[in-house]
Amino acid sequence: MKKTLAITVAMLAVMGTMASCGNNSDNEAYKDGSYRVEAKDFDSHGWKEYINVTVKDGKIAEVEFDALSQEDGHKKTEDQEYKDAYTGAGFETYPADYTEKLEKGLVEKQDASKVDTVAGATNSSNFFKQMMKELDKNMKKGDTNTVTVAAASEE
């Protein structure tokens, strides 16, 4: 009886260790490097989203998700007027808030499909996941060329 219990515990420990070894959805390691994905075009509000990802030791170590202004190239997360428009309209989130949540979620979960959608930023969350799905392929191959993605249709 004790021997069976010991074997069962050992098997569970091995299975748990194997399950935690994977760092992304296919258990295929990412190649170290710096990767970028961006929207093909500016959206109807004059912003072009992008994500920069740094992979170290086969894992996503750093993420920057933002958008650049078509007008002068400034970042959406640094645009106080844009933030004021969001919060003034009653939204509980704004670009600097939801991008940080998505970035942290990706570093923690190592898989964009498992990152929680941010309430109040559903379209941005979905586009983030769409862009990461495309970039994921390059990260697994070690291809550091910039990936472009057509923006999801705006509703």
Foldseek 3Di string as FASTA:
>chain_A
DVVVVVVVVVVVVVVVVVVVCQLEDVSQFFDFDKAKEKAPDADPVQWIWMKIFGDDPRATDFIDIWIAGNVPGDTQLPDPVQVCVCVVVPQPDGVVRQRVQQGVQCRVRVYLVPRDQDPSCNQVSVQVNVRVVVRVVCRSVVNRDYHYDHRDDDD
